[in-house]
């Protein structure tokens, strides 16, 4: 029985078994080794399979916590951005109304156009381009 392991970044393991004229091939891809490989680890040291499982569980928990923190910070960033946009909108409107009060129609008109273009551009950027998190969600 000849075994051949082909390493890959996705932990792909290929086992080839040849008996007489038959050829059996299998591909495994996943975070944990195959049960037959775990048995081999158990033959080396009886504690290896349990240690491998504990390490897998720790890594999984760490990954989940990282994902939760990334989502939390993305939400906080979006909320902060919305508040900043609201404050800037109020400031720009106050400047436009102040320019109208002073009788400067040109500045008020240009400011009003900039305000309208800014609102439209902000809306189009949000709707047109997916955020980094939504790209990652589609790739999973």
N, C-alpha and C. Protein backbone atom coordinates (compact mmCIF):
# COMPACT_ATOMS: atom_id res chain seq x y z
N UNK A 1 0.84 -1.16 0.00
CA UNK A 1 0.00 0.00 0.00
C UNK A 1 0.90 1.23 0.00
N UNK A 2 0.81 2.04 -1.04
CA UNK A 2 1.62 3.26 -1.14
C UNK A 2 0.73 4.46 -0.86
N UNK A 3 1.18 5.33 0.01
CA UNK A 3 0.43 6.54 0.34
C UNK A 3 1.25 7.73 -0.13
N UNK A 4 0.54 8.71 -0.65
CA UNK A 4 1.21 9.92 -1.10
C UNK A 4 0.41 11.12 -0.62
N UNK A 5 1.03 12.00 0.14
CA UNK A 5 0.38 13.22 0.62
C UNK A 5 0.84 14.38 -0.24
N UNK A 6 -0.10 15.16 -0.72
CA UNK A 6 0.22 16.34 -1.51
C UNK A 6 -0.16 17.56 -0.68
N UNK A 7 0.82 18.36 -0.22
CA UNK A 7 0.49 19.51 0.61
C UNK A 7 -0.12 20.62 -0.22
N UNK A 8 -1.03 21.38 0.42
CA UNK A 8 -1.68 22.51 -0.23
C UNK A 8 -2.07 23.49 0.87
N UNK A 9 -2.31 24.73 0.50
CA UNK A 9 -2.67 25.72 1.50
C UNK A 9 -4.04 25.43 2.11
N UNK A 10 -4.86 24.63 1.45
CA UNK A 10 -6.18 24.28 1.97
C UNK A 10 -6.16 22.97 2.74
N UNK A 11 -5.03 22.47 3.08
CA UNK A 11 -4.87 21.22 3.81
C UNK A 11 -5.47 20.05 3.03
N UNK A 12 -5.26 20.03 1.75
CA UNK A 12 -5.76 18.93 0.93
C UNK A 12 -4.84 17.73 1.12
N UNK A 13 -5.45 16.60 1.37
CA UNK A 13 -4.67 15.38 1.56
C UNK A 13 -5.16 14.36 0.55
N UNK A 14 -4.25 13.78 -0.16
CA UNK A 14 -4.59 12.77 -1.15
C UNK A 14 -3.93 11.48 -0.73
N UNK A 15 -4.73 10.42 -0.69
CA UNK A 15 -4.18 9.11 -0.36
C UNK A 15 -4.41 8.19 -1.54
N UNK A 16 -3.36 7.55 -1.99
CA UNK A 16 -3.46 6.58 -3.08
C UNK A 16 -3.14 5.21 -2.51
N UNK A 17 -3.99 4.27 -2.83
CA UNK A 17 -3.76 2.89 -2.39
C UNK A 17 -3.81 2.01 -3.64
N UNK A 18 -2.79 1.21 -3.78
CA UNK A 18 -2.73 0.36 -4.97
C UNK A 18 -2.60 -1.10 -4.53
N UNK A 19 -3.53 -1.91 -4.99
CA UNK A 19 -3.49 -3.35 -4.74
C UNK A 19 -3.62 -4.02 -6.09
N UNK A 20 -2.66 -4.80 -6.39
CA UNK A 20 -2.62 -5.53 -7.67
C UNK A 20 -2.88 -4.57 -8.84
N UNK A 21 -4.04 -4.68 -9.47
CA UNK A 21 -4.34 -3.83 -10.61
C UNK A 21 -5.36 -2.75 -10.29
N UNK A 22 -5.84 -2.71 -9.05
CA UNK A 22 -6.82 -1.71 -8.67
C UNK A 22 -6.12 -0.47 -8.13
N UNK A 23 -6.69 0.65 -8.41
CA UNK A 23 -6.16 1.92 -7.91
C UNK A 23 -7.30 2.66 -7.23
N UNK A 24 -7.12 2.98 -5.96
CA UNK A 24 -8.11 3.72 -5.19
C UNK A 24 -7.50 5.07 -4.84
N UNK A 25 -8.26 6.11 -5.07
CA UNK A 25 -7.79 7.45 -4.75
C UNK A 25 -8.88 8.19 -3.99
N UNK A 26 -8.47 9.00 -3.07
CA UNK A 26 -9.43 9.81 -2.31
C UNK A 26 -8.83 11.17 -2.01
N UNK A 27 -9.68 12.15 -1.97
CA UNK A 27 -9.24 13.51 -1.65
C UNK A 27 -10.01 13.97 -0.42
N UNK A 28 -9.29 14.53 0.50
CA UNK A 28 -9.90 15.06 1.71
C UNK A 28 -9.45 16.51 1.87
N UNK A 29 -10.39 17.35 2.25
CA UNK A 29 -10.05 18.74 2.48
C UNK A 29 -10.80 19.19 3.72
N UNK A 30 -10.10 19.69 4.69
CA UNK A 30 -10.75 20.15 5.90
C UNK A 30 -9.74 20.53 6.96
N UNK A 31 -10.23 21.06 8.06
CA UNK A 31 -9.33 21.53 9.11
C UNK A 31 -8.76 20.40 9.97
N UNK A 32 -9.41 19.27 10.00
CA UNK A 32 -8.96 18.15 10.82
C UNK A 32 -8.42 17.03 9.94
N UNK A 33 -7.47 16.28 10.44
CA UNK A 33 -6.97 15.13 9.67
C UNK A 33 -8.03 14.03 9.54
N UNK A 34 -7.81 13.17 8.59
CA UNK A 34 -8.68 12.01 8.41
C UNK A 34 -8.61 11.11 9.65
N UNK A 35 -9.67 10.35 9.92
CA UNK A 35 -9.63 9.43 11.05
C UNK A 35 -8.47 8.43 10.96
N UNK A 36 -8.14 8.00 9.75
CA UNK A 36 -7.02 7.06 9.62
C UNK A 36 -5.70 7.74 10.00
N UNK A 37 -5.57 9.00 9.68
CA UNK A 37 -4.36 9.74 10.07
C UNK A 37 -4.36 9.97 11.57
N UNK A 38 -5.54 10.22 12.15
CA UNK A 38 -5.63 10.39 13.60
C UNK A 38 -5.21 9.11 14.31
N UNK A 39 -5.58 7.96 13.73
CA UNK A 39 -5.15 6.68 14.31
C UNK A 39 -3.63 6.57 14.27
N UNK A 40 -3.03 7.04 13.20
CA UNK A 40 -1.56 7.03 13.11
C UNK A 40 -0.94 7.90 14.19
N UNK A 41 -1.55 9.07 14.43
CA UNK A 41 -1.06 9.92 15.51
C UNK A 41 -1.23 9.23 16.86
N UNK A 42 -2.36 8.50 17.01
CA UNK A 42 -2.61 7.81 18.26
C UNK A 42 -1.58 6.71 18.50
N UNK A 43 -1.12 6.07 17.42
CA UNK A 43 -0.08 5.05 17.56
C UNK A 43 1.24 5.66 18.02
N UNK A 44 1.50 6.89 17.62
CA UNK A 44 2.74 7.56 18.05
C UNK A 44 2.64 7.95 19.52
N UNK A 45 1.54 8.63 19.86
CA UNK A 45 1.32 9.06 21.24
C UNK A 45 -0.19 9.10 21.47
N UNK A 46 -0.70 8.37 22.47
CA UNK A 46 -2.15 8.29 22.68
C UNK A 46 -2.82 9.64 22.94
N UNK A 47 -2.08 10.65 23.36
CA UNK A 47 -2.69 11.95 23.65
C UNK A 47 -2.78 12.86 22.42
N UNK A 48 -2.15 12.50 21.31
CA UNK A 48 -2.14 13.38 20.12
C UNK A 48 -3.54 13.70 19.58
N UNK A 49 -4.43 12.71 19.40
CA UNK A 49 -5.75 13.06 18.84
C UNK A 49 -6.51 14.06 19.71
N UNK A 50 -6.47 13.86 21.02
CA UNK A 50 -7.17 14.80 21.91
C UNK A 50 -6.52 16.18 21.86
N UNK A 51 -5.20 16.23 21.80
CA UNK A 51 -4.51 17.51 21.71
C UNK A 51 -4.86 18.21 20.40
N UNK A 52 -4.96 17.46 19.32
CA UNK A 52 -5.32 18.05 18.02
C UNK A 52 -6.74 18.61 18.09
N UNK A 53 -7.66 17.88 18.69
CA UNK A 53 -9.04 18.35 18.80
C UNK A 53 -9.14 19.59 19.68
N UNK A 54 -8.41 19.63 20.78
CA UNK A 54 -8.43 20.81 21.66
C UNK A 54 -7.89 22.03 20.92
N UNK A 55 -6.82 21.84 20.17
CA UNK A 55 -6.24 22.95 19.41
C UNK A 55 -7.23 23.44 18.35
N UNK A 56 -7.92 22.51 17.69
CA UNK A 56 -8.93 22.87 16.70
C UNK A 56 -10.05 23.69 17.34
N UNK A 57 -10.52 23.25 18.51
CA UNK A 57 -11.59 23.97 19.21
C UNK A 57 -11.14 25.36 19.62
N UNK A 58 -9.89 25.48 20.12
CA UNK A 58 -9.38 26.80 20.51
C UNK A 58 -9.28 27.73 19.30
N UNK A 59 -8.77 27.21 18.19
CA UNK A 59 -8.65 28.03 16.99
C UNK A 59 -10.02 28.45 16.46
N UNK A 60 -10.99 27.56 16.52
CA UNK A 60 -12.34 27.89 16.06
C UNK A 60 -12.95 29.00 16.91
N UNK A 61 -12.78 28.90 18.22
CA UNK A 61 -13.32 29.92 19.13
C UNK A 61 -12.62 31.26 18.87
N UNK A 62 -11.31 31.23 18.68
CA UNK A 62 -10.56 32.45 18.40
C UNK A 62 -11.05 33.10 17.10
N UNK A 63 -11.28 32.30 16.10
CA UNK A 63 -11.76 32.81 14.81
C UNK A 63 -13.13 33.45 14.95
N UNK A 64 -14.04 32.78 15.71
CA UNK A 64 -15.38 33.33 15.91
C UNK A 64 -15.33 34.66 16.66
N UNK A 65 -14.49 34.75 17.68
CA UNK A 65 -14.37 36.00 18.43
C UNK A 65 -13.85 37.12 17.53
N UNK A 66 -12.90 36.81 16.68
CA UNK A 66 -12.38 37.80 15.75
C UNK A 66 -13.44 38.30 14.78
N UNK A 67 -14.26 37.36 14.28
CA UNK A 67 -15.36 37.74 13.38
C UNK A 67 -16.36 38.64 14.10
N UNK A 68 -16.70 38.30 15.34
CA UNK A 68 -17.64 39.11 16.10
C UNK A 68 -17.10 40.51 16.34
N UNK A 69 -15.80 40.61 16.70
CA UNK A 69 -15.20 41.92 16.91
C UNK A 69 -15.18 42.73 15.62
N UNK A 70 -14.87 42.10 14.51
CA UNK A 70 -14.84 42.81 13.24
C UNK A 70 -16.22 43.36 12.89
N UNK A 71 -17.27 42.57 13.13
CA UNK A 71 -18.62 43.05 12.88
C UNK A 71 -18.99 44.19 13.81
N UNK A 72 -18.61 44.07 15.07
CA UNK A 72 -18.90 45.11 16.06
C UNK A 72 -18.23 46.42 15.66
N UNK A 73 -16.96 46.36 15.27
CA UNK A 73 -16.24 47.58 14.89
C UNK A 73 -16.77 48.16 13.59
N UNK A 74 -17.22 47.32 12.66
CA UNK A 74 -17.80 47.82 11.41
C UNK A 74 -19.10 48.57 11.70
N UNK A 75 -19.91 48.04 12.61
CA UNK A 75 -21.16 48.70 12.98
C UNK A 75 -20.86 50.03 13.66
N UNK A 76 -19.90 50.03 14.59
CA UNK A 76 -19.52 51.28 15.27
C UNK A 76 -19.01 52.31 14.27
N UNK A 77 -18.20 51.88 13.30
CA UNK A 77 -17.68 52.80 12.29
C UNK A 77 -18.80 53.39 11.45
N UNK A 78 -19.77 52.56 11.08
CA UNK A 78 -20.89 53.06 10.28
C UNK A 78 -21.73 54.05 11.07
N UNK A 79 -21.99 53.76 12.33
CA UNK A 79 -22.76 54.69 13.16
C UNK A 79 -22.02 56.00 13.31
N UNK A 80 -20.72 55.94 13.56
CA UNK A 80 -19.93 57.16 13.69
C UNK A 80 -19.96 57.97 12.39
N UNK A 81 -19.87 57.29 11.26
CA UNK A 81 -19.93 57.98 9.97
C UNK A 81 -21.27 58.63 9.74
N UNK A 82 -22.35 57.97 10.18
CA UNK A 82 -23.68 58.56 10.02
C UNK A 82 -23.83 59.82 10.87
N UNK A 83 -23.29 59.79 12.09
CA UNK A 83 -23.36 60.98 12.93
C UNK A 83 -22.53 62.11 12.33
N UNK A 84 -21.36 61.81 11.81
CA UNK A 84 -20.53 62.85 11.20
C UNK A 84 -21.22 63.45 9.98
N UNK A 85 -21.85 62.61 9.17
CA UNK A 85 -22.58 63.10 8.00
C UNK A 85 -23.75 63.98 8.43
N UNK A 86 -24.43 63.60 9.49
CA UNK A 86 -25.56 64.41 9.99
C UNK A 86 -25.07 65.77 10.46
N UNK A 87 -23.98 65.80 11.21
CA UNK A 87 -23.44 67.06 11.71
C UNK A 87 -22.95 67.95 10.56
N UNK A 88 -22.25 67.35 9.60
CA UNK A 88 -21.80 68.12 8.44
C UNK A 88 -22.97 68.67 7.63
N UNK A 89 -24.03 67.89 7.53
CA UNK A 89 -25.22 68.34 6.82
C UNK A 89 -25.83 69.55 7.52
N UNK A 90 -25.95 69.49 8.83
CA UNK A 90 -26.50 70.63 9.58
C UNK A 90 -25.62 71.86 9.43
N UNK A 91 -24.30 71.67 9.48
CA UNK A 91 -23.37 72.80 9.33
C UNK A 91 -23.49 73.43 7.95
N UNK A 92 -23.54 72.61 6.92
CA UNK A 92 -23.64 73.12 5.55
C UNK A 92 -24.97 73.85 5.35
N UNK A 93 -26.03 73.28 5.89
CA UNK A 93 -27.32 73.96 5.77
C UNK A 93 -27.31 75.28 6.52
N UNK A 94 -26.68 75.34 7.68
CA UNK A 94 -26.59 76.59 8.45
C UNK A 94 -25.80 77.64 7.66
N UNK A 95 -24.71 77.22 7.00
CA UNK A 95 -23.92 78.16 6.19
C UNK A 95 -24.75 78.67 5.01
N UNK A 96 -25.50 77.79 4.38
CA UNK A 96 -26.35 78.20 3.24
C UNK A 96 -27.41 79.18 3.70
N UNK A 97 -28.07 78.88 4.81
CA UNK A 97 -29.10 79.81 5.31
C UNK A 97 -28.49 81.13 5.76
N UNK A 98 -27.31 81.10 6.32
CA UNK A 98 -26.64 82.33 6.72
C UNK A 98 -26.28 83.16 5.48
N UNK A 99 -25.83 82.50 4.41
CA UNK A 99 -25.52 83.21 3.17
C UNK A 99 -26.80 83.82 2.59
N UNK A 100 -27.91 83.12 2.65
CA UNK A 100 -29.18 83.68 2.19
C UNK A 100 -29.59 84.88 3.05
N UNK A 101 -29.39 84.77 4.33
CA UNK A 101 -29.72 85.86 5.25
C UNK A 101 -28.90 87.11 4.92
N UNK A 102 -27.62 86.91 4.56
CA UNK A 102 -26.77 88.05 4.20
C UNK A 102 -27.04 88.55 2.78
N UNK A 103 -27.81 87.81 2.00
CA UNK A 103 -28.15 88.23 0.65
C UNK A 103 -27.17 87.75 -0.40
N UNK A 104 -26.30 86.84 -0.08
CA UNK A 104 -25.32 86.32 -1.04
C UNK A 104 -25.93 85.09 -1.72
N UNK A 105 -26.69 85.36 -2.80
CA UNK A 105 -27.41 84.28 -3.49
C UNK A 105 -26.46 83.34 -4.22
N UNK A 106 -25.34 83.86 -4.74
CA UNK A 106 -24.41 83.03 -5.49
C UNK A 106 -23.79 81.97 -4.58
N UNK A 107 -23.30 82.39 -3.44
CA UNK A 107 -22.68 81.45 -2.50
C UNK A 107 -23.72 80.44 -2.01
N UNK A 108 -24.93 80.91 -1.71
CA UNK A 108 -25.99 80.02 -1.24
C UNK A 108 -26.36 79.01 -2.33
N UNK A 109 -26.42 79.45 -3.58
CA UNK A 109 -26.77 78.55 -4.68
C UNK A 109 -25.70 77.50 -4.91
N UNK A 110 -24.42 77.95 -4.93
CA UNK A 110 -23.32 77.00 -5.10
C UNK A 110 -23.28 76.04 -3.92
N UNK A 111 -23.44 76.56 -2.72
CA UNK A 111 -23.46 75.71 -1.53
C UNK A 111 -24.60 74.70 -1.58
N UNK A 112 -25.77 75.15 -2.06
CA UNK A 112 -26.91 74.24 -2.19
C UNK A 112 -26.65 73.15 -3.21
N UNK A 113 -26.02 73.50 -4.33
CA UNK A 113 -25.68 72.48 -5.34
C UNK A 113 -24.66 71.49 -4.80
N UNK A 114 -23.66 72.01 -4.10
CA UNK A 114 -22.65 71.12 -3.50
C UNK A 114 -23.33 70.17 -2.50
N UNK A 115 -24.26 70.71 -1.73
CA UNK A 115 -24.99 69.90 -0.76
C UNK A 115 -25.76 68.78 -1.45
N UNK A 116 -26.49 69.13 -2.51
CA UNK A 116 -27.27 68.13 -3.24
C UNK A 116 -26.37 67.08 -3.88
N UNK A 117 -25.28 67.51 -4.52
CA UNK A 117 -24.34 66.57 -5.14
C UNK A 117 -23.71 65.67 -4.09
N UNK A 118 -23.38 66.22 -2.94
CA UNK A 118 -22.77 65.44 -1.86
C UNK A 118 -23.73 64.36 -1.37
N UNK A 119 -25.01 64.72 -1.20
CA UNK A 119 -26.00 63.74 -0.74
C UNK A 119 -26.16 62.63 -1.79
N UNK A 120 -26.28 62.99 -3.07
CA UNK A 120 -26.45 62.00 -4.13
C UNK A 120 -25.22 61.10 -4.23
N UNK A 121 -24.04 61.71 -4.19
CA UNK A 121 -22.80 60.92 -4.29
C UNK A 121 -22.67 59.95 -3.12
N UNK A 122 -22.98 60.41 -1.93
CA UNK A 122 -22.90 59.54 -0.75
C UNK A 122 -23.87 58.37 -0.89
N UNK A 123 -25.09 58.65 -1.35
CA UNK A 123 -26.07 57.58 -1.53
C UNK A 123 -25.60 56.58 -2.59
N UNK A 124 -25.08 57.06 -3.71
CA UNK A 124 -24.62 56.18 -4.79
C UNK A 124 -23.42 55.35 -4.37
N UNK A 125 -22.52 55.89 -3.60
CA UNK A 125 -21.37 55.12 -3.13
C UNK A 125 -21.84 53.99 -2.23
N UNK A 126 -22.78 54.26 -1.35
CA UNK A 126 -23.28 53.24 -0.43
C UNK A 126 -24.03 52.14 -1.16
N UNK A 127 -24.85 52.51 -2.14
CA UNK A 127 -25.67 51.53 -2.83
C UNK A 127 -24.85 50.81 -3.91
N UNK A 128 -24.01 51.55 -4.63
CA UNK A 128 -23.31 50.99 -5.77
C UNK A 128 -22.16 50.06 -5.43
N UNK A 129 -21.41 50.38 -4.40
CA UNK A 129 -20.23 49.59 -4.07
C UNK A 129 -20.46 48.82 -2.78
N UNK A 130 -20.30 47.51 -2.82
CA UNK A 130 -20.46 46.74 -1.58
C UNK A 130 -19.30 47.02 -0.63
N UNK A 131 -19.60 46.96 0.66
CA UNK A 131 -18.55 47.15 1.65
C UNK A 131 -17.67 45.92 1.72
N UNK A 132 -16.57 46.02 2.43
CA UNK A 132 -15.64 44.91 2.56
C UNK A 132 -16.31 43.71 3.22
N UNK A 133 -17.16 43.95 4.23
CA UNK A 133 -17.81 42.85 4.94
C UNK A 133 -18.77 42.09 4.04
N UNK A 134 -19.52 42.80 3.18
CA UNK A 134 -20.46 42.09 2.31
C UNK A 134 -19.73 41.29 1.25
N UNK A 135 -18.53 41.75 0.80
CA UNK A 135 -17.73 40.96 -0.12
C UNK A 135 -17.30 39.66 0.53
N UNK A 136 -16.85 39.74 1.79
CA UNK A 136 -16.41 38.55 2.50
C UNK A 136 -17.56 37.58 2.72
N UNK A 137 -18.76 38.09 3.00
CA UNK A 137 -19.90 37.22 3.23
C UNK A 137 -20.27 36.44 1.97
N UNK A 138 -20.17 37.09 0.78
CA UNK A 138 -20.50 36.40 -0.46
C UNK A 138 -19.47 35.35 -0.80
N UNK A 139 -18.20 35.53 -0.40
CA UNK A 139 -17.16 34.58 -0.73
C UNK A 139 -17.20 33.33 0.12
N UNK A 140 -17.94 33.32 1.21
CA UNK A 140 -17.97 32.16 2.12
C UNK A 140 -18.90 31.11 1.65
